[in-house]
N, C-alpha and C. Protein backbone atom coordinates (compact mmCIF):
# COMPACT_ATOMS: atom_id res chain seq x y z
N MET A 1 74.33 69.56 108.13
CA MET A 1 74.11 70.76 107.35
C MET A 1 74.92 71.91 107.95
N ARG A 2 75.61 72.61 107.09
CA ARG A 2 76.39 73.78 107.48
C ARG A 2 75.57 75.04 107.22
N ILE A 3 75.57 75.98 108.15
CA ILE A 3 74.87 77.26 107.98
C ILE A 3 75.92 78.36 108.01
N GLU A 4 75.93 79.16 106.95
CA GLU A 4 76.82 80.31 106.86
C GLU A 4 75.99 81.59 106.85
N ILE A 5 76.56 82.64 107.40
CA ILE A 5 75.92 83.96 107.41
C ILE A 5 76.94 84.95 106.87
N VAL A 6 76.63 85.58 105.74
CA VAL A 6 77.57 86.50 105.11
C VAL A 6 76.86 87.78 104.67
N LYS A 7 77.62 88.84 104.55
CA LYS A 7 77.11 90.07 103.95
C LYS A 7 77.51 90.01 102.48
N GLY A 8 76.57 90.33 101.59
CA GLY A 8 76.92 90.29 100.18
C GLY A 8 75.73 90.45 99.27
N ASP A 9 75.97 90.14 98.02
CA ASP A 9 74.98 90.23 96.94
C ASP A 9 74.55 88.81 96.58
N ILE A 10 73.30 88.49 96.84
CA ILE A 10 72.83 87.12 96.60
C ILE A 10 72.94 86.72 95.13
N THR A 11 72.91 87.68 94.22
CA THR A 11 72.96 87.34 92.80
C THR A 11 74.34 86.87 92.34
N THR A 12 75.34 86.97 93.20
CA THR A 12 76.70 86.54 92.83
C THR A 12 77.07 85.20 93.47
N GLN A 13 76.16 84.59 94.19
CA GLN A 13 76.47 83.38 94.94
C GLN A 13 76.57 82.16 94.03
N GLU A 14 77.67 81.43 94.16
CA GLU A 14 77.87 80.21 93.40
C GLU A 14 77.37 79.03 94.23
N VAL A 15 76.07 78.82 94.16
CA VAL A 15 75.38 77.76 94.88
C VAL A 15 74.44 77.07 93.89
N ASP A 16 73.86 75.97 94.30
CA ASP A 16 72.89 75.30 93.43
C ASP A 16 71.60 76.10 93.30
N VAL A 17 71.12 76.65 94.43
CA VAL A 17 69.85 77.38 94.44
C VAL A 17 70.02 78.73 95.10
N ILE A 18 69.49 79.74 94.45
CA ILE A 18 69.31 81.06 95.06
C ILE A 18 67.82 81.20 95.33
N VAL A 19 67.47 81.52 96.57
CA VAL A 19 66.07 81.73 96.91
C VAL A 19 65.73 83.20 96.65
N ASN A 20 64.62 83.39 95.95
CA ASN A 20 64.12 84.72 95.63
C ASN A 20 62.97 85.06 96.55
N ALA A 21 63.09 86.19 97.23
CA ALA A 21 61.98 86.73 98.01
C ALA A 21 61.05 87.44 97.03
N ALA A 22 60.20 86.66 96.41
CA ALA A 22 59.36 87.13 95.30
C ALA A 22 58.07 87.74 95.79
N ASN A 23 57.37 88.40 94.87
CA ASN A 23 55.98 88.77 95.15
C ASN A 23 55.11 87.72 94.48
N SER A 24 53.85 87.69 94.80
CA SER A 24 52.99 86.60 94.33
C SER A 24 52.83 86.56 92.81
N SER A 25 53.07 87.67 92.13
CA SER A 25 52.93 87.68 90.66
C SER A 25 54.04 86.90 89.97
N LEU A 26 55.17 86.74 90.63
CA LEU A 26 56.37 86.11 90.07
C LEU A 26 56.97 86.87 88.88
N LEU A 27 56.51 88.08 88.66
CA LEU A 27 56.93 88.81 87.45
C LEU A 27 57.95 89.90 87.73
N GLY A 28 58.66 89.79 88.84
CA GLY A 28 59.69 90.76 89.18
C GLY A 28 59.13 91.83 90.08
N GLY A 29 60.02 92.60 90.64
CA GLY A 29 59.62 93.65 91.57
C GLY A 29 60.85 94.41 92.02
N GLY A 30 60.84 94.85 93.26
CA GLY A 30 61.97 95.59 93.81
C GLY A 30 62.84 94.70 94.66
N GLY A 31 63.82 95.28 95.31
CA GLY A 31 64.68 94.57 96.24
C GLY A 31 65.35 93.35 95.64
N VAL A 32 65.39 92.27 96.42
CA VAL A 32 66.01 91.02 95.99
C VAL A 32 65.36 90.51 94.70
N ASP A 33 64.04 90.56 94.64
CA ASP A 33 63.30 90.08 93.47
C ASP A 33 63.75 90.79 92.20
N GLY A 34 63.79 92.11 92.25
CA GLY A 34 64.22 92.88 91.09
C GLY A 34 65.65 92.58 90.70
N ALA A 35 66.53 92.47 91.69
CA ALA A 35 67.94 92.19 91.42
C ALA A 35 68.11 90.83 90.75
N ILE A 36 67.39 89.82 91.23
CA ILE A 36 67.49 88.48 90.64
C ILE A 36 66.98 88.48 89.21
N HIS A 37 65.87 89.12 88.96
CA HIS A 37 65.34 89.18 87.60
C HIS A 37 66.27 89.96 86.67
N ARG A 38 66.82 91.08 87.14
CA ARG A 38 67.73 91.88 86.30
C ARG A 38 68.99 91.10 85.96
N ARG A 39 69.65 90.54 86.96
CA ARG A 39 70.92 89.84 86.74
C ARG A 39 70.74 88.48 86.09
N GLY A 40 69.62 87.85 86.36
CA GLY A 40 69.38 86.53 85.79
C GLY A 40 68.95 86.57 84.34
N GLY A 41 68.47 87.71 83.89
CA GLY A 41 68.08 87.86 82.49
C GLY A 41 66.68 87.36 82.20
N PRO A 42 66.30 87.41 80.93
CA PRO A 42 64.92 87.14 80.53
C PRO A 42 64.46 85.69 80.70
N ALA A 43 65.35 84.75 80.84
CA ALA A 43 64.94 83.34 80.97
C ALA A 43 64.13 83.10 82.24
N ILE A 44 64.48 83.79 83.32
CA ILE A 44 63.74 83.63 84.57
C ILE A 44 62.32 84.14 84.40
N LEU A 45 62.18 85.33 83.86
CA LEU A 45 60.86 85.91 83.65
C LEU A 45 60.03 85.05 82.70
N ALA A 46 60.66 84.50 81.67
CA ALA A 46 59.93 83.65 80.72
C ALA A 46 59.35 82.42 81.43
N GLU A 47 60.14 81.79 82.30
CA GLU A 47 59.62 80.63 83.04
C GLU A 47 58.54 81.03 84.04
N CYS A 48 58.71 82.18 84.67
CA CYS A 48 57.68 82.67 85.59
C CYS A 48 56.37 82.93 84.85
N ARG A 49 56.46 83.48 83.66
CA ARG A 49 55.25 83.72 82.88
C ARG A 49 54.56 82.41 82.52
N LYS A 50 55.33 81.37 82.22
CA LYS A 50 54.74 80.05 81.93
C LYS A 50 54.02 79.50 83.15
N LEU A 51 54.63 79.67 84.33
CA LEU A 51 53.98 79.21 85.56
C LEU A 51 52.67 79.95 85.79
N ARG A 52 52.67 81.26 85.52
CA ARG A 52 51.45 82.06 85.70
C ARG A 52 50.39 81.69 84.67
N ALA A 53 50.82 81.29 83.49
CA ALA A 53 49.87 80.88 82.45
C ALA A 53 49.31 79.49 82.74
N GLY A 54 49.98 78.75 83.61
CA GLY A 54 49.56 77.39 83.95
C GLY A 54 48.91 77.32 85.31
N HIS A 55 49.45 76.46 86.16
CA HIS A 55 48.81 76.17 87.45
C HIS A 55 48.91 77.30 88.48
N LEU A 56 49.71 78.33 88.21
CA LEU A 56 49.82 79.45 89.14
C LEU A 56 49.16 80.71 88.57
N GLY A 57 48.03 80.51 87.93
CA GLY A 57 47.31 81.62 87.30
C GLY A 57 46.95 82.74 88.26
N ARG A 58 46.72 82.39 89.50
CA ARG A 58 46.38 83.42 90.51
C ARG A 58 47.62 83.90 91.27
N GLY A 59 48.78 83.40 90.89
CA GLY A 59 50.01 83.78 91.57
C GLY A 59 50.44 82.72 92.56
N LEU A 60 51.63 82.91 93.10
CA LEU A 60 52.19 81.98 94.08
C LEU A 60 51.70 82.38 95.47
N PRO A 61 51.05 81.45 96.17
CA PRO A 61 50.56 81.78 97.52
C PRO A 61 51.70 82.04 98.51
N THR A 62 51.44 82.86 99.48
CA THR A 62 52.40 83.16 100.54
C THR A 62 52.83 81.87 101.23
N GLY A 63 54.14 81.73 101.41
CA GLY A 63 54.70 80.56 102.08
C GLY A 63 55.04 79.40 101.16
N GLU A 64 54.53 79.42 99.95
CA GLU A 64 54.81 78.35 98.99
C GLU A 64 56.11 78.65 98.24
N ALA A 65 56.59 77.69 97.45
CA ALA A 65 57.84 77.86 96.71
C ALA A 65 57.75 77.12 95.38
N VAL A 66 58.43 77.67 94.38
CA VAL A 66 58.47 77.08 93.05
C VAL A 66 59.82 77.40 92.41
N ALA A 67 60.30 76.51 91.56
CA ALA A 67 61.62 76.68 90.96
C ALA A 67 61.55 77.09 89.50
N THR A 68 62.56 77.85 89.09
CA THR A 68 62.79 78.17 87.67
C THR A 68 64.29 78.05 87.40
N THR A 69 64.64 78.23 86.16
CA THR A 69 66.04 78.35 85.80
C THR A 69 66.65 79.53 86.56
N ALA A 70 67.96 79.57 86.62
CA ALA A 70 68.65 80.72 87.21
C ALA A 70 69.13 81.67 86.11
N GLY A 71 68.86 81.32 84.86
CA GLY A 71 69.27 82.19 83.77
C GLY A 71 70.76 82.45 83.79
N LEU A 72 71.13 83.71 83.84
CA LEU A 72 72.54 84.11 83.79
C LEU A 72 73.21 84.16 85.17
N LEU A 73 72.50 83.82 86.21
CA LEU A 73 73.07 83.80 87.56
C LEU A 73 74.05 82.62 87.69
N PRO A 74 74.99 82.68 88.62
CA PRO A 74 75.94 81.57 88.78
C PRO A 74 75.34 80.34 89.45
N ALA A 75 74.08 80.38 89.84
CA ALA A 75 73.39 79.23 90.44
C ALA A 75 72.79 78.37 89.33
N ARG A 76 72.27 77.21 89.71
CA ARG A 76 71.59 76.35 88.74
C ARG A 76 70.10 76.67 88.65
N TRP A 77 69.50 77.01 89.80
CA TRP A 77 68.07 77.29 89.85
C TRP A 77 67.80 78.49 90.75
N VAL A 78 66.64 79.09 90.54
CA VAL A 78 66.08 80.05 91.48
C VAL A 78 64.81 79.43 92.05
N VAL A 79 64.71 79.43 93.36
CA VAL A 79 63.48 79.00 94.02
C VAL A 79 62.81 80.27 94.52
N HIS A 80 61.61 80.52 94.01
CA HIS A 80 60.84 81.71 94.35
C HIS A 80 59.91 81.37 95.51
N THR A 81 59.87 82.24 96.51
CA THR A 81 58.94 82.08 97.62
C THR A 81 58.38 83.45 97.98
N VAL A 82 57.14 83.46 98.42
CA VAL A 82 56.47 84.71 98.77
C VAL A 82 56.37 84.80 100.28
N GLY A 83 57.08 85.76 100.84
CA GLY A 83 57.05 85.96 102.27
C GLY A 83 55.81 86.72 102.70
N PRO A 84 55.45 86.58 103.97
CA PRO A 84 54.31 87.32 104.50
C PRO A 84 54.66 88.78 104.80
N VAL A 85 53.67 89.63 104.72
CA VAL A 85 53.81 91.01 105.15
C VAL A 85 53.69 91.03 106.68
N TRP A 86 54.57 91.76 107.36
CA TRP A 86 54.54 91.86 108.82
C TRP A 86 53.22 92.45 109.29
N SER A 87 52.72 91.93 110.37
CA SER A 87 51.52 92.47 111.00
C SER A 87 51.76 92.51 112.51
N SER A 88 51.45 93.63 113.13
CA SER A 88 51.58 93.72 114.58
C SER A 88 50.34 93.14 115.28
N THR A 89 49.29 92.84 114.52
CA THR A 89 48.05 92.35 115.12
C THR A 89 47.75 90.89 114.80
N GLU A 90 48.53 90.29 113.92
CA GLU A 90 48.31 88.89 113.52
C GLU A 90 49.64 88.17 113.43
N ASP A 91 49.75 87.02 114.06
CA ASP A 91 50.99 86.25 114.03
C ASP A 91 51.08 85.49 112.71
N ARG A 92 52.00 85.90 111.86
CA ARG A 92 52.20 85.26 110.56
C ARG A 92 53.52 84.50 110.49
N SER A 93 54.09 84.20 111.64
CA SER A 93 55.39 83.55 111.67
C SER A 93 55.36 82.16 111.03
N ALA A 94 54.23 81.46 111.08
CA ALA A 94 54.14 80.14 110.44
C ALA A 94 54.32 80.26 108.93
N LEU A 95 53.85 81.36 108.37
CA LEU A 95 54.03 81.57 106.92
C LEU A 95 55.50 81.84 106.58
N LEU A 96 56.20 82.59 107.43
CA LEU A 96 57.62 82.83 107.19
C LEU A 96 58.41 81.53 107.35
N THR A 97 58.05 80.74 108.33
CA THR A 97 58.67 79.41 108.49
C THR A 97 58.43 78.57 107.24
N ALA A 98 57.20 78.58 106.72
CA ALA A 98 56.85 77.80 105.53
C ALA A 98 57.68 78.22 104.33
N CYS A 99 57.99 79.49 104.20
CA CYS A 99 58.84 79.95 103.09
C CYS A 99 60.17 79.19 103.08
N HIS A 100 60.76 79.07 104.25
CA HIS A 100 62.06 78.39 104.36
C HIS A 100 61.92 76.88 104.18
N HIS A 101 60.94 76.29 104.85
CA HIS A 101 60.72 74.84 104.70
C HIS A 101 60.44 74.48 103.24
N ASN A 102 59.52 75.19 102.61
CA ASN A 102 59.13 74.85 101.23
C ASN A 102 60.24 75.14 100.23
N SER A 103 61.01 76.19 100.45
CA SER A 103 62.15 76.46 99.57
C SER A 103 63.17 75.34 99.65
N LEU A 104 63.45 74.87 100.86
CA LEU A 104 64.39 73.76 101.02
C LEU A 104 63.83 72.46 100.45
N ARG A 105 62.54 72.24 100.61
CA ARG A 105 61.92 71.03 100.04
C ARG A 105 62.06 71.03 98.52
N VAL A 106 61.76 72.16 97.88
CA VAL A 106 61.90 72.27 96.42
C VAL A 106 63.36 72.08 96.02
N ALA A 107 64.28 72.70 96.75
CA ALA A 107 65.71 72.55 96.45
C ALA A 107 66.13 71.09 96.52
N ALA A 108 65.68 70.39 97.55
CA ALA A 108 66.03 68.97 97.70
C ALA A 108 65.45 68.15 96.56
N GLU A 109 64.22 68.46 96.15
CA GLU A 109 63.60 67.75 95.02
C GLU A 109 64.40 67.94 93.74
N LEU A 110 65.04 69.09 93.59
CA LEU A 110 65.87 69.37 92.42
C LEU A 110 67.23 68.66 92.49
N GLY A 111 67.59 68.19 93.68
CA GLY A 111 68.90 67.57 93.87
C GLY A 111 69.96 68.56 94.31
N ALA A 112 69.55 69.72 94.76
CA ALA A 112 70.49 70.76 95.20
C ALA A 112 71.19 70.35 96.49
N GLU A 113 72.42 70.78 96.61
CA GLU A 113 73.19 70.56 97.83
C GLU A 113 73.49 71.85 98.57
N SER A 114 73.37 73.01 97.87
CA SER A 114 73.67 74.29 98.49
C SER A 114 72.60 75.32 98.12
N VAL A 115 72.20 76.11 99.12
CA VAL A 115 71.11 77.07 98.95
C VAL A 115 71.50 78.39 99.60
N ALA A 116 71.26 79.50 98.88
CA ALA A 116 71.48 80.84 99.44
C ALA A 116 70.13 81.51 99.64
N PHE A 117 69.90 81.99 100.86
CA PHE A 117 68.67 82.69 101.23
C PHE A 117 68.95 84.16 101.48
N PRO A 118 68.02 85.03 101.10
CA PRO A 118 68.05 86.41 101.59
C PRO A 118 67.29 86.47 102.92
N ALA A 119 67.17 87.64 103.48
CA ALA A 119 66.36 87.83 104.69
C ALA A 119 64.92 88.07 104.23
N ILE A 120 64.18 86.99 104.06
CA ILE A 120 62.82 87.04 103.49
C ILE A 120 61.89 87.90 104.35
N SER A 121 61.13 88.74 103.69
CA SER A 121 60.09 89.60 104.27
C SER A 121 60.62 90.81 105.03
N THR A 122 61.93 91.03 105.09
CA THR A 122 62.46 92.12 105.91
C THR A 122 62.58 93.44 105.17
N GLY A 123 62.33 93.44 103.88
CA GLY A 123 62.39 94.69 103.11
C GLY A 123 61.06 95.41 103.13
N VAL A 124 60.44 95.53 101.98
CA VAL A 124 59.16 96.26 101.88
C VAL A 124 58.04 95.59 102.67
N TYR A 125 58.20 94.30 103.02
CA TYR A 125 57.17 93.62 103.82
C TYR A 125 57.35 93.89 105.32
N ARG A 126 58.40 94.61 105.71
CA ARG A 126 58.62 95.20 107.03
C ARG A 126 58.74 94.23 108.21
N TRP A 127 59.11 92.98 107.96
CA TRP A 127 59.26 92.05 109.08
C TRP A 127 60.49 92.49 109.89
N PRO A 128 60.40 92.59 111.21
CA PRO A 128 61.55 93.00 112.02
C PRO A 128 62.71 92.01 111.85
N LEU A 129 63.91 92.54 111.65
CA LEU A 129 65.08 91.70 111.37
C LEU A 129 65.34 90.65 112.45
N GLU A 130 65.27 91.03 113.70
CA GLU A 130 65.59 90.08 114.78
C GLU A 130 64.64 88.89 114.75
N SER A 131 63.37 89.16 114.57
CA SER A 131 62.37 88.09 114.51
C SER A 131 62.56 87.23 113.27
N ALA A 132 62.78 87.87 112.13
CA ALA A 132 62.99 87.13 110.87
C ALA A 132 64.20 86.22 110.97
N ALA A 133 65.25 86.70 111.60
CA ALA A 133 66.47 85.90 111.74
C ALA A 133 66.21 84.67 112.61
N GLU A 134 65.53 84.85 113.74
CA GLU A 134 65.22 83.72 114.62
C GLU A 134 64.39 82.67 113.88
N ILE A 135 63.37 83.13 113.17
CA ILE A 135 62.47 82.22 112.45
C ILE A 135 63.22 81.50 111.34
N ALA A 136 64.00 82.23 110.56
CA ALA A 136 64.72 81.64 109.43
C ALA A 136 65.72 80.58 109.89
N LEU A 137 66.49 80.91 110.89
CA LEU A 137 67.50 79.96 111.38
C LEU A 137 66.85 78.71 111.97
N ALA A 138 65.79 78.89 112.74
CA ALA A 138 65.09 77.72 113.30
C ALA A 138 64.50 76.86 112.18
N ALA A 139 63.92 77.51 111.18
CA ALA A 139 63.28 76.77 110.09
C ALA A 139 64.29 75.94 109.30
N VAL A 140 65.45 76.51 108.99
CA VAL A 140 66.41 75.71 108.21
C VAL A 140 67.02 74.60 109.04
N ARG A 141 67.17 74.81 110.34
CA ARG A 141 67.67 73.73 111.20
C ARG A 141 66.67 72.57 111.27
N GLU A 142 65.39 72.89 111.15
CA GLU A 142 64.35 71.85 111.18
C GLU A 142 64.25 71.09 109.86
N THR A 143 64.93 71.57 108.83
CA THR A 143 64.80 71.01 107.48
C THR A 143 66.19 70.71 106.91
N PRO A 144 66.93 69.78 107.50
CA PRO A 144 68.31 69.52 107.08
C PRO A 144 68.39 68.63 105.83
N VAL A 145 67.95 69.18 104.69
CA VAL A 145 67.89 68.37 103.46
C VAL A 145 68.97 68.74 102.45
N VAL A 146 69.79 69.74 102.75
CA VAL A 146 70.90 70.14 101.88
C VAL A 146 72.17 70.21 102.72
N ASP A 147 73.32 70.25 102.06
CA ASP A 147 74.60 70.30 102.78
C ASP A 147 74.92 71.69 103.32
N LEU A 148 74.52 72.72 102.56
CA LEU A 148 74.89 74.09 102.92
C LEU A 148 73.71 75.03 102.74
N VAL A 149 73.44 75.82 103.78
CA VAL A 149 72.52 76.95 103.70
C VAL A 149 73.34 78.19 104.01
N ARG A 150 73.30 79.13 103.09
CA ARG A 150 74.02 80.39 103.27
C ARG A 150 73.00 81.53 103.29
N PHE A 151 72.98 82.29 104.38
CA PHE A 151 72.17 83.50 104.42
C PHE A 151 73.03 84.63 103.91
N VAL A 152 72.60 85.23 102.81
CA VAL A 152 73.35 86.31 102.17
C VAL A 152 72.58 87.60 102.43
N LEU A 153 73.18 88.45 103.25
CA LEU A 153 72.48 89.61 103.77
C LEU A 153 73.07 90.89 103.20
N PHE A 154 72.19 91.82 102.90
CA PHE A 154 72.57 93.02 102.18
C PHE A 154 73.10 94.14 103.08
N SER A 155 72.69 94.14 104.34
CA SER A 155 73.06 95.26 105.22
C SER A 155 73.79 94.78 106.47
N ASP A 156 74.50 95.71 107.09
CA ASP A 156 75.15 95.41 108.36
C ASP A 156 74.13 95.06 109.43
N ASP A 157 72.98 95.74 109.42
CA ASP A 157 71.93 95.46 110.40
C ASP A 157 71.42 94.03 110.27
N ALA A 158 71.20 93.58 109.05
CA ALA A 158 70.74 92.21 108.83
C ALA A 158 71.81 91.21 109.24
N LEU A 159 73.04 91.48 108.88
CA LEU A 159 74.15 90.61 109.26
C LEU A 159 74.23 90.47 110.77
N ARG A 160 74.13 91.58 111.47
CA ARG A 160 74.17 91.57 112.93
C ARG A 160 72.99 90.78 113.52
N ALA A 161 71.79 90.99 113.00
CA ALA A 161 70.61 90.30 113.50
C ALA A 161 70.74 88.78 113.33
N PHE A 162 71.21 88.34 112.17
CA PHE A 162 71.34 86.90 111.92
C PHE A 162 72.48 86.30 112.74
N THR A 163 73.58 87.03 112.87
CA THR A 163 74.71 86.53 113.66
C THR A 163 74.32 86.41 115.12
N GLU A 164 73.62 87.41 115.65
CA GLU A 164 73.18 87.36 117.05
C GLU A 164 72.14 86.25 117.26
N ALA A 165 71.23 86.08 116.31
CA ALA A 165 70.23 85.01 116.44
C ALA A 165 70.90 83.64 116.45
N ARG A 166 71.91 83.46 115.61
CA ARG A 166 72.61 82.17 115.59
C ARG A 166 73.31 81.92 116.92
N SER A 167 73.86 82.96 117.54
CA SER A 167 74.57 82.77 118.81
C SER A 167 73.62 82.40 119.95
N ARG A 168 72.32 82.72 119.81
CA ARG A 168 71.34 82.39 120.84
C ARG A 168 70.71 81.00 120.65
N GLN A 169 70.89 80.43 119.46
CA GLN A 169 70.26 79.12 119.19
C GLN A 169 71.27 78.00 119.41
N PRO A 170 70.78 76.82 119.76
CA PRO A 170 71.69 75.69 120.02
C PRO A 170 72.42 75.24 118.76
């Protein structure tokens, strides 16, 4: 498995799967979630509504993952995962690890060979970038089920955190 780290816009990635850092409602939001829903068009929201009307009536649990069409995005699918909110008093790193493991598991079940991840939980959920990078990189290395994992990062700070974390890992 090849791991790439780039600065860019995840909605422009030509990969099989784009991972969405979704909220549990699956109905869109801000940050990466809002960008994916806006650029992907109404087909993504329509499939998310069907999931909510079915077995995900209470929403997608934190750490879990589910796939929809990618709509107008250059990918084939969007895999939605709900990251944990950072807590200084409770260790939620297993949930952040689960986001990556479960997203890759769903991607592999779809037959995907390439996956683009954002920096899950580092926006409004306030997970520290350095910690998120360490967890994300370790999690994808533990789950080598696709040929390519690309971390697509929006800021220079995120790019630096992921690049430094990769240099510290074997």
